[in-house]
């Protein structure tokens, strides 16, 4: 699958893995882990960016815990309408952009955010566009947090493969996230494996 096809698939996604799908599920184990990480490392007035925020379930969980300087980016045009329906307080409080992270992140200033995080989003970045990882570091002044599938679930283990497919449709690229961001100059502070994802906290040096 080429990068444009990959992005188009997520931009037009309905049904499984769409903004409405995730809104129906609501906050989950990862949301709780992120909230615990934020409580330990992040001040309430921190500027926070979620890339691939979908309808905002994780950001809504942070809002409930007192974080209000929230920004989200998602590629699916339905995300904001679903957010307004399911998480209206978040929709009114946060700042949101619709577009591919590869396009939107370039518009942010250096060190624009204290914290940048992703949940099962960076794992879908095409190998030809991994330069965006450096852009995420550029706009982060303190912490970068990944919550990505690293083969935790037996239904989505690596089995030596570099890529697997979601519902036999969309590619999930298996990466060693500690190596990815350590090689780009970040220091890993924490790794917390969950049932499905591993949450990693990196500090910008």
C-alpha atoms as a PDB file:
ATOM      1  CA  UNK A   1       0.000   0.000   0.000  1.00  0.00           C
ATOM      2  CA  UNK A   2       1.365   3.411  -0.986  1.00  0.00           C
ATOM      3  CA  UNK A   3       1.403   6.334   1.498  1.00  0.00           C
ATOM      4  CA  UNK A   4      -1.471   8.190  -0.190  1.00  0.00           C
ATOM      5  CA  UNK A   5      -3.633   5.060  -0.221  1.00  0.00           C
ATOM      6  CA  UNK A   6      -2.819   4.441   3.429  1.00  0.00           C
ATOM      7  CA  UNK A   7      -3.854   7.959   4.439  1.00  0.00           C
ATOM      8  CA  UNK A   8      -6.966   7.917   2.257  1.00  0.00           C
ATOM      9  CA  UNK A   9      -8.145   4.700   3.879  1.00  0.00           C
ATOM     10  CA  UNK A  10      -8.031   6.203   7.369  1.00  0.00           C
ATOM     11  CA  UNK A  11      -9.442   9.543   6.240  1.00  0.00           C
ATOM     12  CA  UNK A  12     -12.529   7.846   4.837  1.00  0.00           C
ATOM     13  CA  UNK A  13     -12.853   5.171   7.508  1.00  0.00           C
ATOM     14  CA  UNK A  14     -16.312   4.243   8.793  1.00  0.00           C
ATOM     15  CA  UNK A  15     -17.417   1.258  10.842  1.00  0.00           C
ATOM     16  CA  UNK A  16     -14.604  -0.561  12.651  1.00  0.00           C
ATOM     17  CA  UNK A  17     -11.775   1.746  13.819  1.00  0.00           C
ATOM     18  CA  UNK A  18     -13.672   4.902  12.822  1.00  0.00           C
ATOM     19  CA  UNK A  19     -14.191   7.896  15.172  1.00  0.00           C
ATOM     20  CA  UNK A  20     -17.693   6.646  16.072  1.00  0.00           C
ATOM     21  CA  UNK A  21     -16.313   3.160  16.793  1.00  0.00           C
ATOM     22  CA  UNK A  22     -13.825   4.542  19.326  1.00  0.00           C
ATOM     23  CA  UNK A  23     -16.331   6.987  20.824  1.00  0.00           C
ATOM     24  CA  UNK A  24     -18.676   4.089  21.544  1.00  0.00           C
ATOM     25  CA  UNK A  25     -15.873   2.271  23.366  1.00  0.00           C
ATOM     26  CA  UNK A  26     -14.894   5.359  25.352  1.00  0.00           C
ATOM     27  CA  UNK A  27     -11.874   5.660  27.657  1.00  0.00           C
ATOM     28  CA  UNK A  28     -10.041   2.392  28.262  1.00  0.00           C
ATOM     29  CA  UNK A  29      -7.013   0.880  29.985  1.00  0.00           C
ATOM     30  CA  UNK A  30      -4.657   3.019  27.918  1.00  0.00           C
ATOM     31  CA  UNK A  31      -6.583   6.153  28.909  1.00  0.00           C
ATOM     32  CA  UNK A  32      -6.073   5.234  32.568  1.00  0.00           C
ATOM     33  CA  UNK A  33      -2.367   4.536  32.053  1.00  0.00           C
ATOM     34  CA  UNK A  34      -1.912   7.851  30.261  1.00  0.00           C
ATOM     35  CA  UNK A  35      -3.720   9.679  33.065  1.00  0.00           C
ATOM     36  CA  UNK A  36      -1.402   8.063  35.627  1.00  0.00           C
ATOM     37  CA  UNK A  37       1.658   9.033  33.576  1.00  0.00           C
ATOM     38  CA  UNK A  38       0.416  12.608  33.256  1.00  0.00           C
ATOM     39  CA  UNK A  39      -0.289  12.849  36.985  1.00  0.00           C
ATOM     40  CA  UNK A  40       3.321  11.876  37.682  1.00  0.00           C
ATOM     41  CA  UNK A  41       5.142  13.838  34.980  1.00  0.00           C
ATOM     42  CA  UNK A  42       2.917  16.623  33.639  1.00  0.00           C
ATOM     43  CA  UNK A  43       1.658  19.915  35.133  1.00  0.00           C
ATOM     44  CA  UNK A  44      -2.031  20.667  34.640  1.00  0.00           C
ATOM     45  CA  UNK A  45      -1.281  23.778  32.573  1.00  0.00           C
ATOM     46  CA  UNK A  46       0.936  21.876  30.112  1.00  0.00           C
ATOM     47  CA  UNK A  47       0.288  22.255  26.394  1.00  0.00           C
ATOM     48  CA  UNK A  48      -0.664  18.791  25.144  1.00  0.00           C
ATOM     49  CA  UNK A  49      -0.987  17.422  21.606  1.00  0.00           C
ATOM     50  CA  UNK A  50      -2.483  14.074  20.635  1.00  0.00           C
ATOM     51  CA  UNK A  51      -1.738  12.959  17.088  1.00  0.00           C
ATOM     52  CA  UNK A  52      -4.452  10.666  15.750  1.00  0.00           C
ATOM     53  CA  UNK A  53      -6.937  11.805  18.386  1.00  0.00           C
ATOM     54  CA  UNK A  54      -9.989  10.392  16.559  1.00  0.00           C
ATOM     55  CA  UNK A  55     -13.137  11.465  18.435  1.00  0.00           C
ATOM     56  CA  UNK A  56     -11.104  12.359  21.518  1.00  0.00           C
ATOM     57  CA  UNK A  57     -11.732   9.663  24.110  1.00  0.00           C
ATOM     58  CA  UNK A  58      -8.210   9.879  25.596  1.00  0.00           C
ATOM     59  CA  UNK A  59      -8.170  13.678  25.572  1.00  0.00           C
ATOM     60  CA  UNK A  60     -11.608  13.708  27.218  1.00  0.00           C
ATOM     61  CA  UNK A  61     -10.194  11.514  29.979  1.00  0.00           C
ATOM     62  CA  UNK A  62      -7.364  14.008  30.509  1.00  0.00           C
ATOM     63  CA  UNK A  63      -9.828  16.913  30.524  1.00  0.00           C
ATOM     64  CA  UNK A  64     -11.756  15.186  33.303  1.00  0.00           C
ATOM     65  CA  UNK A  65      -8.510  15.188  35.295  1.00  0.00           C
ATOM     66  CA  UNK A  66      -7.907  18.890  34.968  1.00  0.00           C
ATOM     67  CA  UNK A  67      -5.833  19.234  31.797  1.00  0.00           C
ATOM     68  CA  UNK A  68      -7.343  21.940  29.610  1.00  0.00           C
ATOM     69  CA  UNK A  69      -4.621  23.060  27.169  1.00  0.00           C
ATOM     70  CA  UNK A  70      -5.436  20.299  24.717  1.00  0.00           C
ATOM     71  CA  UNK A  71      -4.845  20.025  20.976  1.00  0.00           C
ATOM     72  CA  UNK A  72      -5.709  17.141  18.689  1.00  0.00           C
ATOM     73  CA  UNK A  73      -5.061  16.192  15.090  1.00  0.00           C
ATOM     74  CA  UNK A  74      -6.934  13.507  13.174  1.00  0.00           C
ATOM     75  CA  UNK A  75      -7.127  12.588   9.528  1.00  0.00           C
ATOM     76  CA  UNK A  76     -10.789  11.542   9.522  1.00  0.00           C
ATOM     77  CA  UNK A  77     -13.208  14.364   8.724  1.00  0.00           C
ATOM     78  CA  UNK A  78     -15.943  12.797  10.870  1.00  0.00           C
ATOM     79  CA  UNK A  79     -13.839  12.979  14.033  1.00  0.00           C
ATOM     80  CA  UNK A  80     -14.906  16.451  15.148  1.00  0.00           C
ATOM     81  CA  UNK A  81     -18.615  15.868  14.575  1.00  0.00           C
ATOM     82  CA  UNK A  82     -18.450  12.648  16.593  1.00  0.00           C
ATOM     83  CA  UNK A  83     -16.469  14.440  19.299  1.00  0.00           C
ATOM     84  CA  UNK A  84     -19.114  17.158  19.544  1.00  0.00           C
ATOM     85  CA  UNK A  85     -21.747  14.477  20.083  1.00  0.00           C
ATOM     86  CA  UNK A  86     -19.912  12.217  22.541  1.00  0.00           C
ATOM     87  CA  UNK A  87     -17.482  14.591  24.277  1.00  0.00           C
ATOM     88  CA  UNK A  88     -18.989  18.098  23.972  1.00  0.00           C
ATOM     89  CA  UNK A  89     -16.904  19.598  26.801  1.00  0.00           C
ATOM     90  CA  UNK A  90     -13.740  18.525  25.010  1.00  0.00           C
ATOM     91  CA  UNK A  91     -14.982  19.871  21.686  1.00  0.00           C
ATOM     92  CA  UNK A  92     -15.583  23.264  23.320  1.00  0.00           C
ATOM     93  CA  UNK A  93     -12.329  23.325  25.302  1.00  0.00           C
ATOM     94  CA  UNK A  94      -9.678  21.959  22.961  1.00  0.00           C
ATOM     95  CA  UNK A  95      -8.170  23.019  19.651  1.00  0.00           C
ATOM     96  CA  UNK A  96      -8.514  20.535  16.797  1.00  0.00           C
ATOM     97  CA  UNK A  97      -7.278  20.106  13.250  1.00  0.00           C
ATOM     98  CA  UNK A  98      -8.369  17.676  10.552  1.00  0.00           C
ATOM     99  CA  UNK A  99      -5.528  16.431   8.383  1.00  0.00           C
ATOM    100  CA  UNK A 100      -2.673  13.964   8.126  1.00  0.00           C
ATOM    101  CA  UNK A 101      -0.065  14.422  10.832  1.00  0.00           C
ATOM    102  CA  UNK A 102       2.562  14.516   8.071  1.00  0.00           C
ATOM    103  CA  UNK A 103       0.901  17.703   6.808  1.00  0.00           C
ATOM    104  CA  UNK A 104      -0.290  19.370  10.003  1.00  0.00           C
ATOM    105  CA  UNK A 105       2.745  18.945  12.258  1.00  0.00           C
ATOM    106  CA  UNK A 106       4.910  21.017   9.911  1.00  0.00           C
ATOM    107  CA  UNK A 107       2.705  24.017  10.712  1.00  0.00           C
ATOM    108  CA  UNK A 108       3.511  23.945  14.445  1.00  0.00           C
ATOM    109  CA  UNK A 109       6.356  26.003  15.904  1.00  0.00           C
ATOM    110  CA  UNK A 110       9.396  24.421  17.523  1.00  0.00           C
ATOM    111  CA  UNK A 111       8.646  23.356  21.122  1.00  0.00           C
ATOM    112  CA  UNK A 112       4.981  24.258  20.641  1.00  0.00           C
ATOM    113  CA  UNK A 113       3.853  21.563  23.088  1.00  0.00           C
ATOM    114  CA  UNK A 114       5.096  20.329  26.432  1.00  0.00           C
ATOM    115  CA  UNK A 115       3.783  16.850  25.675  1.00  0.00           C
ATOM    116  CA  UNK A 116       3.032  15.054  22.413  1.00  0.00           C
ATOM    117  CA  UNK A 117       1.482  11.603  22.485  1.00  0.00           C
ATOM    118  CA  UNK A 118      -0.082   9.011  20.205  1.00  0.00           C
ATOM    119  CA  UNK A 119      -2.270   5.961  20.759  1.00  0.00           C
ATOM    120  CA  UNK A 120      -2.116   3.297  18.030  1.00  0.00           C
ATOM    121  CA  UNK A 121      -1.356   5.962  15.428  1.00  0.00           C
ATOM    122  CA  UNK A 122       2.373   6.027  14.742  1.00  0.00           C
ATOM    123  CA  UNK A 123       2.212   2.288  14.063  1.00  0.00           C
ATOM    124  CA  UNK A 124       0.299   3.127  10.863  1.00  0.00           C
ATOM    125  CA  UNK A 125       2.843   5.651   9.529  1.00  0.00           C
ATOM    126  CA  UNK A 126       4.163   4.396   6.208  1.00  0.00           C
ATOM    127  CA  UNK A 127       7.912   3.575   6.092  1.00  0.00           C
ATOM    128  CA  UNK A 128       8.378   6.294   3.471  1.00  0.00           C
ATOM    129  CA  UNK A 129       7.085   8.905   5.924  1.00  0.00           C
ATOM    130  CA  UNK A 130       8.938   8.079   9.122  1.00  0.00           C
ATOM    131  CA  UNK A 131      10.557  11.522   8.893  1.00  0.00           C
ATOM    132  CA  UNK A 132       7.459  12.694  10.724  1.00  0.00           C
ATOM    133  CA  UNK A 133       8.885  11.182  13.937  1.00  0.00           C
ATOM    134  CA  UNK A 134      11.605  13.859  13.887  1.00  0.00           C
ATOM    135  CA  UNK A 135       8.942  16.511  13.336  1.00  0.00           C
ATOM    136  CA  UNK A 136       7.088  15.320  16.437  1.00  0.00           C
ATOM    137  CA  UNK A 137      10.295  15.714  18.428  1.00  0.00           C
ATOM    138  CA  UNK A 138      10.782  19.187  16.971  1.00  0.00           C
ATOM    139  CA  UNK A 139       7.422  20.407  18.297  1.00  0.00           C
ATOM    140  CA  UNK A 140       7.895  18.747  21.702  1.00  0.00           C
ATOM    141  CA  UNK A 141       9.668  20.638  24.483  1.00  0.00           C
ATOM    142  CA  UNK A 142       9.578  17.928  27.156  1.00  0.00           C
ATOM    143  CA  UNK A 143       7.840  14.567  26.754  1.00  0.00           C
ATOM    144  CA  UNK A 144       6.871  12.320  23.852  1.00  0.00           C
ATOM    145  CA  UNK A 145       4.630   9.394  24.753  1.00  0.00           C
ATOM    146  CA  UNK A 146       3.786   6.406  22.578  1.00  0.00           C
ATOM    147  CA  UNK A 147       1.018   3.875  23.227  1.00  0.00           C
ATOM    148  CA  UNK A 148       1.464   1.515  20.306  1.00  0.00           C
ATOM    149  CA  UNK A 149       0.839  -2.152  19.654  1.00  0.00           C
ATOM    150  CA  UNK A 150       4.107  -4.029  20.097  1.00  0.00           C
ATOM    151  CA  UNK A 151       2.740  -7.539  19.770  1.00  0.00           C
ATOM    152  CA  UNK A 152       1.193  -7.582  23.260  1.00  0.00           C
ATOM    153  CA  UNK A 153      -1.973  -9.216  21.990  1.00  0.00           C
ATOM    154  CA  UNK A 154      -1.655 -12.829  20.796  1.00  0.00           C
ATOM    155  CA  UNK A 155      -3.960 -11.931  17.901  1.00  0.00           C
ATOM    156  CA  UNK A 156      -1.469  -9.358  16.639  1.00  0.00           C
ATOM    157  CA  UNK A 157       1.979 -10.670  17.430  1.00  0.00           C
ATOM    158  CA  UNK A 158       4.923  -9.948  15.208  1.00  0.00           C
ATOM    159  CA  UNK A 159       5.855 -13.528  14.267  1.00  0.00           C
ATOM    160  CA  UNK A 160       8.977 -12.036  12.697  1.00  0.00           C
ATOM    161  CA  UNK A 161       6.968  -9.874  10.288  1.00  0.00           C
ATOM    162  CA  UNK A 162       7.611  -6.168   9.775  1.00  0.00           C
ATOM    163  CA  UNK A 163       3.977  -5.493   8.963  1.00  0.00           C
ATOM    164  CA  UNK A 164       0.570  -7.005   9.687  1.00  0.00           C
ATOM    165  CA  UNK A 165      -2.859  -5.923   8.473  1.00  0.00           C
ATOM    166  CA  UNK A 166      -5.873  -4.641  10.384  1.00  0.00           C
ATOM    167  CA  UNK A 167      -8.944  -6.555   9.179  1.00  0.00           C
ATOM    168  CA  UNK A 168      -6.785  -7.637   6.209  1.00  0.00           C
ATOM    169  CA  UNK A 169      -6.985  -4.018   4.998  1.00  0.00           C
ATOM    170  CA  UNK A 170      -4.707  -1.477   6.628  1.00  0.00           C
ATOM    171  CA  UNK A 171      -1.031  -1.994   7.433  1.00  0.00           C
ATOM    172  CA  UNK A 172       0.329  -1.929  10.955  1.00  0.00           C
ATOM    173  CA  UNK A 173       4.101  -1.482  10.850  1.00  0.00           C
ATOM    174  CA  UNK A 174       5.900  -3.205  13.715  1.00  0.00           C
ATOM    175  CA  UNK A 175       8.669  -1.037  15.136  1.00  0.00           C
ATOM    176  CA  UNK A 176      10.918  -1.046  18.168  1.00  0.00           C
ATOM    177  CA  UNK A 177       9.748   2.281  19.563  1.00  0.00           C
ATOM    178  CA  UNK A 178      12.475   2.471  22.189  1.00  0.00           C
ATOM    179  CA  UNK A 179      15.065   2.160  19.437  1.00  0.00           C
ATOM    180  CA  UNK A 180      13.237   4.557  17.091  1.00  0.00           C
ATOM    181  CA  UNK A 181      13.174   7.442  19.540  1.00  0.00           C
ATOM    182  CA  UNK A 182      16.420   6.637  21.350  1.00  0.00           C
ATOM    183  CA  UNK A 183      18.200   6.751  17.996  1.00  0.00           C
ATOM    184  CA  UNK A 184      16.635  10.195  17.481  1.00  0.00           C
ATOM    185  CA  UNK A 185      18.133  11.436  20.753  1.00  0.00           C
ATOM    186  CA  UNK A 186      15.359  10.922  23.313  1.00  0.00           C
ATOM    187  CA  UNK A 187      15.736   9.200  26.683  1.00  0.00           C
ATOM    188  CA  UNK A 188      13.160   6.588  27.687  1.00  0.00           C
ATOM    189  CA  UNK A 189      11.828   7.205  31.197  1.00  0.00           C
ATOM    190  CA  UNK A 190       9.165   4.509  31.399  1.00  0.00           C
ATOM    191  CA  UNK A 191       7.791   1.460  29.599  1.00  0.00           C
ATOM    192  CA  UNK A 192       4.445   0.053  30.727  1.00  0.00           C
ATOM    193  CA  UNK A 193       3.136  -2.987  28.804  1.00  0.00           C
ATOM    194  CA  UNK A 194      -0.631  -3.427  28.723  1.00  0.00           C
ATOM    195  CA  UNK A 195      -2.998  -6.038  27.349  1.00  0.00           C
ATOM    196  CA  UNK A 196      -2.804  -4.565  23.869  1.00  0.00           C
ATOM    197  CA  UNK A 197      -0.340  -1.670  23.805  1.00  0.00           C
ATOM    198  CA  UNK A 198       2.906  -0.634  25.446  1.00  0.00           C
ATOM    199  CA  UNK A 199       3.048   2.897  26.815  1.00  0.00           C
ATOM    200  CA  UNK A 200       6.532   4.451  26.551  1.00  0.00           C
ATOM    201  CA  UNK A 201       7.502   7.841  27.934  1.00  0.00           C
ATOM    202  CA  UNK A 202      10.470   9.624  26.343  1.00  0.00           C
ATOM    203  CA  UNK A 203      12.123  12.872  27.410  1.00  0.00           C
ATOM    204  CA  UNK A 204      13.585  15.386  24.997  1.00  0.00           C
ATOM    205  CA  UNK A 205      17.198  16.025  26.005  1.00  0.00           C
END
